[in-house]
Every structure is written in C-alpha cells, then in structure tokens.
C-alpha cells in the first residue's frame, strides 16, 4: 500500500488535504457537552452495563460508562465539581474497605 504522503501528493487527491469536509474533528468539538443535571450517568449503577462480547462476538472487558466518557463531556463549570465529587467517592470507598477490614480482624 502507498503511504499517506504519496496519496496526498497525487494530483487526483490533492484537494482532500485542503477541503475542510475531510479534516478530523477536534476533541473539544467531538464530545457533546452536558450540564450538571446529567452528571449522575457517569457514576450511577443504572447506567453501567458490563459487556462480555462486542458486536462481532469477540470477547471484551468493556463497560458502557467508558462509552459515555468517550462521547460526552461535562460542561466546564461542572467538570471541576465532578472531579471533586469523584475524589470524595474514592475516599468513601477507601474508608469502607478499612472499616470492613477492621471488623474482620475483631
């Protein structure tokens, strides 16, 4: 197969590099911005599905929350809040684990 440079240097395909229809979409514009009303879908168990196979039947270790993060982004004002919220949730999980271990030792 020919390399990308050879294809773009070919006169028949030279306009592809200049035409905005063929440009890759920037990451900022690619994701849909959602506001704080819908931030629960990133961590709520109702929105989380575990997939064992992909659409072609190949085994995967994948969840729907990864898809949500791929296509959606919190709006700028809400993203700071969600990061601090995730941090507090992690701290709560750590405390529960420590508390569970302490009860098991008793």
N, C-alpha and C. Protein backbone atom coordinates (compact mmCIF):
# COMPACT_ATOMS: atom_id res chain seq x y z
N UNK A 1 0.83 -1.18 0.00
CA UNK A 1 0.00 0.00 0.00
C UNK A 1 0.87 1.25 0.00
N UNK A 2 0.36 2.31 -0.55
CA UNK A 2 1.08 3.58 -0.60
C UNK A 2 0.96 4.30 0.72
N UNK A 3 1.96 5.12 1.00
CA UNK A 3 1.92 5.89 2.24
C UNK A 3 0.98 7.08 2.06
N UNK A 4 0.64 7.71 3.17
CA UNK A 4 -0.30 8.83 3.16
C UNK A 4 0.27 10.01 2.36
N UNK A 5 1.58 10.24 2.43
CA UNK A 5 2.18 11.36 1.71
C UNK A 5 2.05 11.17 0.20
N UNK A 6 2.25 9.94 -0.24
CA UNK A 6 2.15 9.66 -1.68
C UNK A 6 0.72 9.89 -2.18
N UNK A 7 -0.24 9.53 -1.36
CA UNK A 7 -1.63 9.71 -1.76
C UNK A 7 -1.97 11.19 -1.85
N UNK A 8 -1.53 11.97 -0.87
CA UNK A 8 -1.84 13.40 -0.87
C UNK A 8 -1.07 14.15 -1.94
N UNK A 9 0.10 13.65 -2.34
CA UNK A 9 0.87 14.32 -3.38
C UNK A 9 0.30 14.02 -4.77
N UNK A 10 -0.49 12.98 -4.88
CA UNK A 10 -1.13 12.65 -6.15
C UNK A 10 -2.12 13.76 -6.51
N UNK A 11 -2.10 14.22 -7.73
CA UNK A 11 -2.94 15.33 -8.17
C UNK A 11 -4.42 15.05 -8.04
N UNK A 12 -4.80 13.82 -8.19
CA UNK A 12 -6.22 13.47 -8.11
C UNK A 12 -6.78 13.66 -6.70
N UNK A 13 -5.93 13.52 -5.69
CA UNK A 13 -6.40 13.58 -4.31
C UNK A 13 -5.86 14.79 -3.56
N UNK A 14 -5.25 15.73 -4.23
CA UNK A 14 -4.62 16.86 -3.55
C UNK A 14 -5.64 17.75 -2.84
N UNK A 15 -6.85 17.83 -3.35
CA UNK A 15 -7.84 18.71 -2.72
C UNK A 15 -8.35 18.16 -1.39
N UNK A 16 -8.13 16.89 -1.13
CA UNK A 16 -8.59 16.30 0.13
C UNK A 16 -7.90 16.97 1.32
N UNK A 17 -6.65 17.30 1.20
CA UNK A 17 -5.92 17.92 2.30
C UNK A 17 -6.39 19.34 2.57
N UNK A 18 -6.90 20.03 1.56
CA UNK A 18 -7.34 21.42 1.72
C UNK A 18 -8.81 21.54 2.04
N UNK A 19 -9.60 20.53 1.79
CA UNK A 19 -11.05 20.61 1.96
C UNK A 19 -11.43 20.37 3.42
N UNK A 20 -12.11 21.32 4.06
CA UNK A 20 -12.47 21.16 5.48
C UNK A 20 -13.42 20.00 5.75
N UNK A 21 -14.11 19.52 4.74
CA UNK A 21 -15.02 18.38 4.96
C UNK A 21 -14.27 17.13 5.36
N UNK A 22 -13.00 17.03 5.01
CA UNK A 22 -12.23 15.83 5.28
C UNK A 22 -11.29 15.98 6.47
N UNK A 23 -11.29 17.15 7.12
CA UNK A 23 -10.45 17.36 8.28
C UNK A 23 -10.99 16.59 9.46
N UNK A 24 -10.10 16.16 10.35
CA UNK A 24 -10.53 15.47 11.56
C UNK A 24 -11.11 16.47 12.53
N UNK A 25 -12.16 16.07 13.20
CA UNK A 25 -12.84 16.96 14.13
C UNK A 25 -12.03 17.09 15.41
N UNK A 26 -11.84 18.30 15.93
CA UNK A 26 -11.08 18.48 17.17
C UNK A 26 -11.77 17.81 18.36
N UNK A 27 -10.99 17.41 19.34
CA UNK A 27 -11.51 16.69 20.51
C UNK A 27 -12.54 17.53 21.27
N UNK A 28 -12.30 18.84 21.37
CA UNK A 28 -13.22 19.71 22.10
C UNK A 28 -14.60 19.73 21.45
N UNK A 29 -14.65 19.71 20.13
CA UNK A 29 -15.92 19.76 19.42
C UNK A 29 -16.54 18.38 19.25
N UNK A 30 -15.75 17.34 19.40
CA UNK A 30 -16.23 15.98 19.17
C UNK A 30 -17.19 15.52 20.25
N UNK A 31 -16.90 15.88 21.48
CA UNK A 31 -17.73 15.44 22.60
C UNK A 31 -18.89 16.39 22.81
N UNK A 32 -20.04 15.83 23.16
CA UNK A 32 -21.23 16.62 23.45
C UNK A 32 -21.14 17.10 24.88
N UNK A 33 -21.35 18.40 25.10
CA UNK A 33 -21.30 18.97 26.44
C UNK A 33 -22.65 18.77 27.12
N UNK A 34 -22.59 18.25 28.33
CA UNK A 34 -23.82 18.09 29.11
C UNK A 34 -23.66 18.85 30.42
N UNK A 35 -24.78 19.24 31.01
CA UNK A 35 -24.69 20.02 32.24
C UNK A 35 -24.84 19.12 33.47
N UNK A 36 -24.88 19.76 34.63
CA UNK A 36 -24.82 19.03 35.89
C UNK A 36 -26.05 18.15 36.14
N UNK A 37 -27.14 18.39 35.44
CA UNK A 37 -28.32 17.56 35.64
C UNK A 37 -28.08 16.11 35.24
N UNK A 38 -27.15 15.89 34.31
CA UNK A 38 -26.92 14.56 33.78
C UNK A 38 -25.59 13.95 34.23
N UNK A 39 -24.92 14.56 35.20
CA UNK A 39 -23.61 14.04 35.61
C UNK A 39 -23.72 12.70 36.32
N UNK A 40 -24.90 12.36 36.81
CA UNK A 40 -25.07 11.08 37.51
C UNK A 40 -24.86 9.89 36.58
N UNK A 41 -25.05 10.09 35.30
CA UNK A 41 -24.90 8.95 34.38
C UNK A 41 -23.47 8.45 34.28
N UNK A 42 -22.50 9.22 34.75
CA UNK A 42 -21.11 8.77 34.72
C UNK A 42 -20.79 7.81 35.87
N UNK A 43 -21.53 7.88 36.98
CA UNK A 43 -21.21 7.04 38.12
C UNK A 43 -22.39 6.25 38.68
N UNK A 44 -23.57 6.45 38.17
CA UNK A 44 -24.75 5.73 38.65
C UNK A 44 -24.75 4.30 38.13
N UNK A 45 -25.12 3.36 38.97
CA UNK A 45 -25.12 1.95 38.58
C UNK A 45 -26.19 1.63 37.54
N UNK A 46 -27.22 2.45 37.46
CA UNK A 46 -28.29 2.22 36.47
C UNK A 46 -27.78 2.38 35.04
N UNK A 47 -26.74 3.17 34.87
CA UNK A 47 -26.20 3.44 33.54
C UNK A 47 -25.03 2.54 33.19
N UNK A 48 -24.62 1.68 34.10
CA UNK A 48 -23.43 0.87 33.87
C UNK A 48 -23.81 -0.54 33.43
N UNK A 49 -23.36 -0.92 32.26
CA UNK A 49 -23.54 -2.27 31.75
C UNK A 49 -22.17 -2.85 31.46
N UNK A 50 -21.98 -4.12 31.81
CA UNK A 50 -20.73 -4.80 31.52
C UNK A 50 -20.93 -5.64 30.26
N UNK A 51 -20.05 -5.43 29.29
CA UNK A 51 -20.12 -6.21 28.07
C UNK A 51 -19.10 -7.33 28.12
N UNK A 52 -19.49 -8.51 27.66
CA UNK A 52 -18.55 -9.63 27.60
C UNK A 52 -18.10 -9.90 26.18
N UNK A 53 -18.94 -9.53 25.20
CA UNK A 53 -18.57 -9.68 23.79
C UNK A 53 -18.93 -8.40 23.06
N UNK A 54 -18.19 -8.10 21.99
CA UNK A 54 -18.51 -6.93 21.19
C UNK A 54 -19.56 -7.30 20.14
N UNK A 55 -19.86 -6.36 19.25
CA UNK A 55 -20.94 -6.59 18.29
C UNK A 55 -20.60 -7.68 17.27
N UNK A 56 -19.34 -8.06 17.19
CA UNK A 56 -18.95 -9.13 16.27
C UNK A 56 -18.70 -10.46 16.99
N UNK A 57 -18.97 -10.50 18.28
CA UNK A 57 -18.84 -11.73 19.04
C UNK A 57 -17.48 -11.98 19.65
N UNK A 58 -16.57 -11.02 19.55
CA UNK A 58 -15.25 -11.18 20.15
C UNK A 58 -15.31 -10.85 21.63
N UNK A 59 -14.61 -11.58 22.47
CA UNK A 59 -14.65 -11.29 23.92
C UNK A 59 -13.96 -9.97 24.25
N UNK A 60 -14.59 -9.18 25.11
CA UNK A 60 -14.04 -7.89 25.54
C UNK A 60 -14.30 -7.71 27.03
N UNK A 61 -13.56 -6.83 27.63
CA UNK A 61 -13.77 -6.42 29.01
C UNK A 61 -14.09 -4.93 28.94
N UNK A 62 -15.35 -4.60 28.80
CA UNK A 62 -15.76 -3.25 28.46
C UNK A 62 -17.04 -2.90 29.19
N UNK A 63 -17.21 -1.64 29.58
CA UNK A 63 -18.45 -1.20 30.21
C UNK A 63 -19.01 0.00 29.47
N UNK A 64 -20.29 0.24 29.65
CA UNK A 64 -20.95 1.34 28.95
C UNK A 64 -20.50 2.70 29.46
N UNK A 65 -19.99 2.77 30.69
CA UNK A 65 -19.53 4.07 31.20
C UNK A 65 -18.32 4.57 30.42
N UNK A 66 -17.51 3.65 29.91
CA UNK A 66 -16.38 4.07 29.08
C UNK A 66 -16.89 4.71 27.79
N UNK A 67 -17.96 4.17 27.24
CA UNK A 67 -18.58 4.77 26.06
C UNK A 67 -19.12 6.15 26.37
N UNK A 68 -19.74 6.31 27.53
CA UNK A 68 -20.28 7.61 27.91
C UNK A 68 -19.17 8.65 28.01
N UNK A 69 -18.06 8.27 28.61
CA UNK A 69 -16.93 9.21 28.73
C UNK A 69 -16.32 9.52 27.37
N UNK A 70 -16.44 8.60 26.44
CA UNK A 70 -15.88 8.80 25.11
C UNK A 70 -16.68 9.84 24.32
N UNK A 71 -18.01 9.82 24.47
CA UNK A 71 -18.86 10.67 23.65
C UNK A 71 -19.40 11.91 24.35
N UNK A 72 -19.39 11.93 25.68
CA UNK A 72 -19.95 13.06 26.43
C UNK A 72 -18.90 13.66 27.34
N UNK A 73 -19.02 14.97 27.54
CA UNK A 73 -18.14 15.69 28.47
C UNK A 73 -18.99 16.64 29.28
N UNK A 74 -18.66 16.78 30.56
CA UNK A 74 -19.37 17.74 31.39
C UNK A 74 -19.00 19.15 30.96
N UNK A 75 -19.92 20.08 31.11
CA UNK A 75 -19.61 21.46 30.77
C UNK A 75 -18.52 21.96 31.70
N UNK A 76 -17.84 23.01 31.31
CA UNK A 76 -16.65 23.50 32.02
C UNK A 76 -16.90 23.75 33.50
N UNK A 77 -18.01 24.39 33.84
CA UNK A 77 -18.28 24.71 35.24
C UNK A 77 -18.57 23.45 36.04
N UNK A 78 -19.12 22.43 35.41
CA UNK A 78 -19.49 21.21 36.11
C UNK A 78 -18.34 20.22 36.21
N UNK A 79 -17.36 20.30 35.33
CA UNK A 79 -16.28 19.32 35.35
C UNK A 79 -15.44 19.44 36.63
N UNK A 80 -15.23 20.66 37.13
CA UNK A 80 -14.48 20.83 38.37
C UNK A 80 -15.24 20.20 39.53
N UNK A 81 -16.55 20.38 39.53
CA UNK A 81 -17.38 19.81 40.59
C UNK A 81 -17.36 18.29 40.54
N UNK A 82 -17.43 17.74 39.35
CA UNK A 82 -17.47 16.28 39.22
C UNK A 82 -16.15 15.65 39.64
N UNK A 83 -15.03 16.29 39.37
CA UNK A 83 -13.74 15.76 39.78
C UNK A 83 -13.64 15.71 41.30
N UNK A 84 -14.10 16.76 41.97
CA UNK A 84 -14.06 16.76 43.42
C UNK A 84 -15.03 15.74 43.98
N UNK A 85 -16.16 15.55 43.30
CA UNK A 85 -17.15 14.55 43.72
C UNK A 85 -16.57 13.15 43.60
N UNK A 86 -15.88 12.87 42.50
CA UNK A 86 -15.26 11.56 42.30
C UNK A 86 -14.20 11.32 43.37
N UNK A 87 -13.46 12.36 43.73
CA UNK A 87 -12.42 12.23 44.74
C UNK A 87 -13.03 11.86 46.09
N UNK A 88 -14.15 12.49 46.45
CA UNK A 88 -14.80 12.17 47.72
C UNK A 88 -15.39 10.76 47.70
N UNK A 89 -15.89 10.31 46.55
CA UNK A 89 -16.42 8.95 46.44
C UNK A 89 -15.30 7.93 46.63
N UNK A 90 -14.12 8.19 46.08
CA UNK A 90 -12.99 7.29 46.25
C UNK A 90 -12.58 7.22 47.72
N UNK A 91 -12.60 8.37 48.39
CA UNK A 91 -12.25 8.40 49.81
C UNK A 91 -13.26 7.59 50.63
N UNK A 92 -14.54 7.68 50.28
CA UNK A 92 -15.56 6.92 50.99
C UNK A 92 -15.34 5.42 50.80
N UNK A 93 -14.99 5.00 49.58
CA UNK A 93 -14.73 3.59 49.31
C UNK A 93 -13.54 3.08 50.12
N UNK A 94 -12.50 3.92 50.21
CA UNK A 94 -11.31 3.54 50.98
C UNK A 94 -11.67 3.39 52.45
N UNK A 95 -12.48 4.31 52.98
CA UNK A 95 -12.88 4.23 54.38
C UNK A 95 -13.71 2.98 54.64
N UNK A 96 -14.60 2.62 53.70
CA UNK A 96 -15.42 1.42 53.86
C UNK A 96 -14.54 0.17 53.87
N UNK A 97 -13.53 0.15 53.00
CA UNK A 97 -12.63 -1.00 52.96
C UNK A 97 -11.87 -1.13 54.27
N UNK A 98 -11.37 0.00 54.79
CA UNK A 98 -10.65 -0.03 56.05
C UNK A 98 -11.56 -0.46 57.19
N UNK A 99 -12.80 0.03 57.17
CA UNK A 99 -13.76 -0.32 58.21
C UNK A 99 -14.11 -1.81 58.14
N UNK A 100 -14.26 -2.33 56.92
CA UNK A 100 -14.54 -3.74 56.72
C UNK A 100 -13.41 -4.62 57.19
N UNK A 101 -12.18 -4.23 56.95
CA UNK A 101 -11.02 -4.99 57.38
C UNK A 101 -10.91 -4.97 58.90
N UNK A 102 -11.22 -3.84 59.52
CA UNK A 102 -11.16 -3.72 60.97
C UNK A 102 -12.19 -4.62 61.64
N UNK A 103 -13.38 -4.75 61.06
CA UNK A 103 -14.41 -5.61 61.61
C UNK A 103 -14.03 -7.07 61.44
N UNK A 104 -13.38 -7.40 60.35
CA UNK A 104 -12.98 -8.79 60.09
C UNK A 104 -11.88 -9.20 61.06
N UNK A 105 -11.01 -8.29 61.47
CA UNK A 105 -9.93 -8.59 62.40
C UNK A 105 -10.47 -8.81 63.81
N UNK A 106 -11.57 -8.16 64.20
CA UNK A 106 -12.10 -8.25 65.55
C UNK A 106 -12.66 -9.60 65.89
